[in-house]
N, C-alpha and C. Protein backbone atom coordinates (compact mmCIF):
# COMPACT_ATOMS: atom_id res chain seq x y z
N MET A 1 0.98 -1.28 0.05
CA MET A 1 -0.07 0.28 -0.22
C MET A 1 1.01 1.31 -0.16
N ASP A 2 1.94 1.05 0.88
CA ASP A 2 2.60 2.47 1.03
C ASP A 2 3.61 2.65 -0.39
N GLU A 3 3.77 1.65 -1.10
CA GLU A 3 4.41 1.90 -2.40
C GLU A 3 3.63 2.26 -3.53
N LEU A 4 2.56 1.81 -3.50
CA LEU A 4 1.54 2.37 -4.31
C LEU A 4 1.17 3.78 -4.11
N LEU A 5 1.16 4.42 -2.96
CA LEU A 5 0.77 5.46 -2.33
C LEU A 5 1.79 6.50 -2.90
N ALA A 6 3.34 6.16 -2.63
CA ALA A 6 4.34 6.82 -3.05
C ALA A 6 4.22 6.93 -4.59
N ILE A 7 3.96 6.24 -5.40
CA ILE A 7 3.97 6.30 -6.80
C ILE A 7 2.65 6.92 -7.60
N ALA A 8 1.63 6.94 -6.73
CA ALA A 8 0.52 7.58 -7.17
C ALA A 8 0.29 8.99 -6.88
N ARG A 9 0.84 9.46 -5.44
CA ARG A 9 0.69 10.90 -5.04
C ARG A 9 1.03 11.92 -6.05
N PRO A 10 2.28 11.61 -6.68
CA PRO A 10 2.74 12.73 -7.51
C PRO A 10 2.04 12.71 -8.96
N GLU A 11 1.04 11.74 -9.38
CA GLU A 11 0.24 11.71 -10.47
C GLU A 11 -0.95 12.24 -10.24
N ALA A 12 -1.41 12.55 -8.80
CA ALA A 12 -3.00 12.76 -8.63
C ALA A 12 -2.66 14.13 -8.51
N LYS A 13 -3.02 14.88 -9.83
CA LYS A 13 -3.28 16.19 -9.96
C LYS A 13 -4.54 16.63 -10.41
N PRO A 14 -5.01 17.80 -10.29
CA PRO A 14 -6.50 18.21 -10.34
C PRO A 14 -7.02 17.71 -11.87
N GLY A 15 -8.06 16.97 -12.09
CA GLY A 15 -8.56 16.56 -12.86
C GLY A 15 -7.99 15.26 -13.82
N ARG A 16 -7.11 14.79 -13.10
CA ARG A 16 -6.75 13.23 -13.68
C ARG A 16 -7.58 12.32 -12.83
N ARG A 17 -7.86 11.38 -13.67
CA ARG A 17 -8.26 10.25 -13.21
C ARG A 17 -7.31 8.92 -13.21
N ALA A 18 -7.80 7.80 -12.28
CA ALA A 18 -7.21 6.87 -12.28
C ALA A 18 -7.87 5.53 -12.70
N PHE A 19 -7.33 4.52 -13.62
CA PHE A 19 -8.02 3.34 -14.05
C PHE A 19 -7.33 2.12 -13.53
N ILE A 20 -8.00 1.24 -13.18
CA ILE A 20 -7.60 -0.13 -12.81
C ILE A 20 -8.28 -1.07 -13.71
N ASP A 21 -7.40 -1.85 -14.47
CA ASP A 21 -7.85 -2.98 -15.33
C ASP A 21 -7.29 -4.21 -14.85
N SER A 22 -8.30 -5.06 -14.63
CA SER A 22 -8.09 -6.35 -13.87
C SER A 22 -8.53 -7.58 -14.26
N ASN A 23 -7.89 -8.53 -14.25
CA ASN A 23 -8.33 -9.95 -14.73
C ASN A 23 -8.78 -10.67 -13.31
N MET A 24 -10.08 -10.71 -13.25
CA MET A 24 -10.61 -11.16 -11.97
C MET A 24 -10.40 -12.67 -11.68
N ALA A 25 -9.82 -13.32 -12.84
CA ALA A 25 -9.54 -14.60 -12.44
C ALA A 25 -8.05 -14.83 -11.78
N GLU A 26 -7.64 -13.90 -11.85
CA GLU A 26 -5.92 -13.97 -11.37
C GLU A 26 -5.99 -12.91 -10.18
N THR A 27 -6.84 -11.98 -9.91
CA THR A 27 -6.61 -11.04 -8.89
C THR A 27 -7.59 -10.96 -7.91
N PRO A 28 -7.32 -11.34 -6.69
CA PRO A 28 -8.54 -11.18 -5.52
C PRO A 28 -9.16 -9.99 -5.45
N TYR A 29 -10.56 -9.81 -5.33
CA TYR A 29 -11.08 -8.65 -5.27
C TYR A 29 -10.83 -7.71 -4.05
N ARG A 30 -10.22 -8.23 -3.04
CA ARG A 30 -9.70 -7.41 -1.94
C ARG A 30 -8.35 -6.63 -2.47
N CYS A 31 -7.59 -7.25 -3.26
CA CYS A 31 -6.65 -6.41 -3.68
C CYS A 31 -7.07 -5.22 -4.70
N VAL A 32 -8.09 -5.33 -5.34
CA VAL A 32 -8.59 -4.35 -6.16
C VAL A 32 -9.28 -3.29 -5.33
N GLY A 33 -9.96 -3.66 -4.13
CA GLY A 33 -10.32 -2.77 -3.18
C GLY A 33 -9.56 -1.98 -2.73
N GLY A 34 -8.41 -2.72 -2.21
CA GLY A 34 -7.02 -2.08 -1.64
C GLY A 34 -6.58 -0.86 -2.68
N ALA A 35 -6.37 -1.38 -3.87
CA ALA A 35 -5.85 -0.49 -4.81
C ALA A 35 -6.49 0.67 -4.98
N ILE A 36 -7.96 0.65 -5.02
CA ILE A 36 -8.99 1.82 -5.05
C ILE A 36 -8.81 2.78 -3.96
N PHE A 37 -8.60 2.08 -2.71
CA PHE A 37 -8.58 2.70 -1.47
C PHE A 37 -7.14 3.61 -1.36
N ALA A 38 -6.23 2.91 -1.75
CA ALA A 38 -4.95 3.82 -1.96
C ALA A 38 -4.84 4.85 -2.85
N LEU A 39 -5.57 4.85 -3.86
CA LEU A 39 -5.54 5.85 -5.12
C LEU A 39 -6.16 6.90 -4.37
N GLN A 40 -7.52 6.63 -3.89
CA GLN A 40 -8.24 7.74 -3.33
C GLN A 40 -7.34 8.43 -2.29
N ARG A 41 -6.84 7.79 -1.37
CA ARG A 41 -5.92 8.25 -0.20
C ARG A 41 -4.73 9.10 -1.10
N ALA A 42 -4.42 8.58 -2.44
CA ALA A 42 -3.42 9.37 -2.85
C ALA A 42 -3.92 10.90 -3.49
N GLY A 43 -4.93 11.01 -3.62
CA GLY A 43 -5.64 12.17 -4.16
C GLY A 43 -6.49 12.15 -5.32
N PHE A 44 -6.62 10.99 -5.69
CA PHE A 44 -7.38 10.87 -7.10
C PHE A 44 -8.97 10.96 -6.83
N LYS A 45 -9.64 11.92 -7.34
CA LYS A 45 -11.18 12.22 -7.20
C LYS A 45 -12.12 11.07 -7.94
N GLU A 46 -11.42 10.59 -8.87
CA GLU A 46 -12.24 9.75 -9.87
C GLU A 46 -11.35 8.42 -10.09
N VAL A 47 -11.67 7.20 -9.55
CA VAL A 47 -11.07 5.99 -9.89
C VAL A 47 -11.97 4.93 -10.54
N SER A 48 -11.55 4.47 -11.70
CA SER A 48 -12.26 3.88 -12.53
C SER A 48 -11.99 2.41 -12.54
N PHE A 49 -12.99 1.39 -12.60
CA PHE A 49 -12.50 -0.11 -12.43
C PHE A 49 -12.83 -0.50 -13.63
N VAL A 50 -12.23 -1.57 -14.42
CA VAL A 50 -12.71 -2.25 -15.33
C VAL A 50 -12.16 -3.67 -15.12
N ALA A 51 -12.96 -4.90 -15.17
CA ALA A 51 -12.41 -6.00 -14.92
C ALA A 51 -13.12 -7.22 -16.27
N GLU A 52 -12.19 -8.13 -16.44
CA GLU A 52 -12.57 -9.16 -17.20
C GLU A 52 -13.02 -10.31 -16.31
N PRO A 53 -14.30 -10.85 -16.61
CA PRO A 53 -14.74 -11.52 -15.69
C PRO A 53 -14.06 -13.06 -15.85
N PRO A 54 -14.09 -14.07 -14.66
CA PRO A 54 -13.49 -15.14 -14.90
C PRO A 54 -13.97 -16.17 -16.01
N PRO A 55 -13.42 -17.00 -16.32
CA PRO A 55 -13.92 -17.79 -17.57
C PRO A 55 -15.14 -18.58 -17.00
N SER A 56 -16.05 -19.00 -17.90
CA SER A 56 -17.15 -19.54 -17.46
C SER A 56 -16.98 -21.20 -16.92
N GLN A 57 -17.74 -21.62 -16.10
CA GLN A 57 -17.50 -22.87 -15.41
C GLN A 57 -18.42 -23.81 -16.30
N GLU A 58 -19.30 -23.42 -17.30
CA GLU A 58 -20.45 -24.36 -17.81
C GLU A 58 -19.75 -25.36 -18.56
N LYS A 59 -20.36 -26.57 -18.71
CA LYS A 59 -19.79 -27.29 -19.68
C LYS A 59 -20.81 -27.64 -20.77
């Protein structure tokens, strides 16, 4: 979390947005939630999240 904050703070300028693109088959949702929280703490007013759903389990 501290590393992400250190990287994100200088980039969180007025009017800039952060985007998170995730593959939910490989990334636990709690990690995505933590990243959103860290980006908000860094100063981003808008954080967008896009995820590719895990593969279907249907046969």
